[in-house]
Amino acid sequence: MVQVKIWGSLAAMTEDQTEVEVEAATLRELLDRLADKYPAIRPQLDRGVSVAIDGRIYNDSWFTRIAPDSEVVLLARLKGG
């Protein structure tokens, strides 16, 4: 199981939980399982989110591996500028 910290306004879509557990080995599995477990978050996931895994930000790297002890943070999509 992976512990996922839910950042900011996204917590409203996970029943106000700021930390959830999900069984996932890749970024794609993580997002799919979050959507299954918390359907209210699916529209935001479809629009795009950023995921920090062990301090590195990922946006669309679907096959990025996630270790069970990785630090994972889900946040609104970060855009450069």
C-alpha atoms as a PDB file:
ATOM      1  CA  MET A   1       0.000   0.000   0.000  1.00  0.00           C
ATOM      2  CA  VAL A   2       1.124   3.512  -0.802  1.00  0.00           C
ATOM      3  CA  GLN A   3       0.386   6.422   1.526  1.00  0.00           C
ATOM      4  CA  VAL A   4      -0.737   9.439  -0.506  1.00  0.00           C
ATOM      5  CA  LYS A   5      -0.857  12.946   0.932  1.00  0.00           C
ATOM      6  CA  ILE A   6      -3.701  14.928  -0.602  1.00  0.00           C
ATOM      7  CA  TRP A   7      -2.747  18.572  -0.919  1.00  0.00           C
ATOM      8  CA  GLY A   8      -4.960  21.626  -0.645  1.00  0.00           C
ATOM      9  CA  SER A   9      -8.429  21.744  -2.195  1.00  0.00           C
ATOM     10  CA  LEU A  10      -8.103  18.181  -3.553  1.00  0.00           C
ATOM     11  CA  ALA A  11      -8.883  16.899  -0.043  1.00  0.00           C
ATOM     12  CA  ALA A  12     -12.504  17.988  -0.513  1.00  0.00           C
ATOM     13  CA  MET A  13     -12.694  15.326  -3.235  1.00  0.00           C
ATOM     14  CA  THR A  14     -11.395  12.571  -0.938  1.00  0.00           C
ATOM     15  CA  GLU A  15     -13.999  13.058   1.773  1.00  0.00           C
ATOM     16  CA  ASP A  16     -11.777  15.679   3.478  1.00  0.00           C
ATOM     17  CA  GLN A  17      -9.025  13.147   4.047  1.00  0.00           C
ATOM     18  CA  THR A  18      -5.547  14.609   3.692  1.00  0.00           C
ATOM     19  CA  GLU A  19      -3.877  11.198   3.627  1.00  0.00           C
ATOM     20  CA  VAL A  20      -5.180   8.027   1.991  1.00  0.00           C
ATOM     21  CA  GLU A  21      -3.841   4.529   1.290  1.00  0.00           C
ATOM     22  CA  VAL A  22      -3.908   3.029  -2.185  1.00  0.00           C
ATOM     23  CA  GLU A  23      -2.579  -0.235  -3.610  1.00  0.00           C
ATOM     24  CA  ALA A  24      -0.494   0.840  -6.618  1.00  0.00           C
ATOM     25  CA  ALA A  25       2.876   0.140  -8.217  1.00  0.00           C
ATOM     26  CA  THR A  26       2.807   2.844 -10.915  1.00  0.00           C
ATOM     27  CA  LEU A  27       1.539   6.393 -11.252  1.00  0.00           C
ATOM     28  CA  ARG A  28      -1.263   5.273 -13.606  1.00  0.00           C
ATOM     29  CA  GLU A  29      -2.428   2.611 -11.121  1.00  0.00           C
ATOM     30  CA  LEU A  30      -2.352   5.189  -8.350  1.00  0.00           C
ATOM     31  CA  LEU A  31      -4.596   7.622 -10.237  1.00  0.00           C
ATOM     32  CA  ASP A  32      -6.967   4.870 -11.403  1.00  0.00           C
ATOM     33  CA  ARG A  33      -7.349   3.477  -7.892  1.00  0.00           C
ATOM     34  CA  LEU A  34      -7.892   6.937  -6.414  1.00  0.00           C
ATOM     35  CA  ALA A  35     -10.667   7.542  -8.957  1.00  0.00           C
ATOM     36  CA  ASP A  36     -12.249   4.174  -8.111  1.00  0.00           C
ATOM     37  CA  LYS A  37     -12.074   4.797  -4.360  1.00  0.00           C
ATOM     38  CA  TYR A  38     -13.074   8.503  -4.521  1.00  0.00           C
ATOM     39  CA  PRO A  39     -15.261   9.117  -7.612  1.00  0.00           C
ATOM     40  CA  ALA A  40     -15.528  12.851  -6.838  1.00  0.00           C
ATOM     41  CA  ILE A  41     -11.846  13.269  -7.703  1.00  0.00           C
ATOM     42  CA  ARG A  42     -12.148  11.757 -11.207  1.00  0.00           C
ATOM     43  CA  PRO A  43     -12.982  15.055 -13.005  1.00  0.00           C
ATOM     44  CA  GLN A  44      -9.891  16.692 -11.498  1.00  0.00           C
ATOM     45  CA  LEU A  45      -7.729  13.704 -12.431  1.00  0.00           C
ATOM     46  CA  ASP A  46      -9.073  13.934 -15.992  1.00  0.00           C
ATOM     47  CA  ARG A  47      -8.147  17.657 -16.130  1.00  0.00           C
ATOM     48  CA  GLY A  48      -4.712  16.858 -14.773  1.00  0.00           C
ATOM     49  CA  VAL A  49      -2.852  16.739 -11.500  1.00  0.00           C
ATOM     50  CA  SER A  50       0.769  16.691 -10.456  1.00  0.00           C
ATOM     51  CA  VAL A  51       2.172  13.961  -8.276  1.00  0.00           C
ATOM     52  CA  ALA A  52       5.342  14.318  -6.234  1.00  0.00           C
ATOM     53  CA  ILE A  53       7.088  11.000  -5.682  1.00  0.00           C
ATOM     54  CA  ASP A  54      10.044  11.191  -3.328  1.00  0.00           C
ATOM     55  CA  GLY A  55      10.371  14.917  -3.988  1.00  0.00           C
ATOM     56  CA  ARG A  56      10.214  14.786  -7.796  1.00  0.00           C
ATOM     57  CA  ILE A  57       7.161  16.162  -9.654  1.00  0.00           C
ATOM     58  CA  TYR A  58       5.462  14.020 -12.327  1.00  0.00           C
ATOM     59  CA  ASN A  59       2.550  15.025 -14.561  1.00  0.00           C
ATOM     60  CA  ASP A  60       1.983  12.405 -17.248  1.00  0.00           C
ATOM     61  CA  SER A  61       4.665   9.783 -16.616  1.00  0.00           C
ATOM     62  CA  TRP A  62       2.133   6.958 -16.306  1.00  0.00           C
ATOM     63  CA  PHE A  63       4.592   4.090 -15.896  1.00  0.00           C
ATOM     64  CA  THR A  64       6.694   5.706 -13.180  1.00  0.00           C
ATOM     65  CA  ARG A  65       7.220   3.106 -10.460  1.00  0.00           C
ATOM     66  CA  ILE A  66       6.133   3.819  -6.900  1.00  0.00           C
ATOM     67  CA  ALA A  67       7.742   1.924  -4.035  1.00  0.00           C
ATOM     68  CA  PRO A  68       5.557   1.067  -1.020  1.00  0.00           C
ATOM     69  CA  ASP A  69       7.715   3.363   1.140  1.00  0.00           C
ATOM     70  CA  SER A  70       7.777   6.289  -1.326  1.00  0.00           C
ATOM     71  CA  GLU A  71       6.617   9.706  -0.195  1.00  0.00           C
ATOM     72  CA  VAL A  72       3.680  10.525  -2.515  1.00  0.00           C
ATOM     73  CA  VAL A  73       1.849  13.857  -2.662  1.00  0.00           C
ATOM     74  CA  LEU A  74      -1.113  14.580  -4.979  1.00  0.00           C
ATOM     75  CA  LEU A  75      -1.584  18.244  -5.870  1.00  0.00           C
ATOM     76  CA  ALA A  76      -3.252  20.449  -8.446  1.00  0.00           C
ATOM     77  CA  ARG A  77      -1.388  20.507 -11.780  1.00  0.00           C
ATOM     78  CA  LEU A  78       1.758  22.621 -11.561  1.00  0.00           C
ATOM     79  CA  LYS A  79       2.456  24.715 -14.644  1.00  0.00           C
ATOM     80  CA  GLY A  80       5.684  26.443 -15.498  1.00  0.00           C
ATOM     81  CA  GLY A  81       5.899  29.982 -16.672  1.00  0.00           C
END
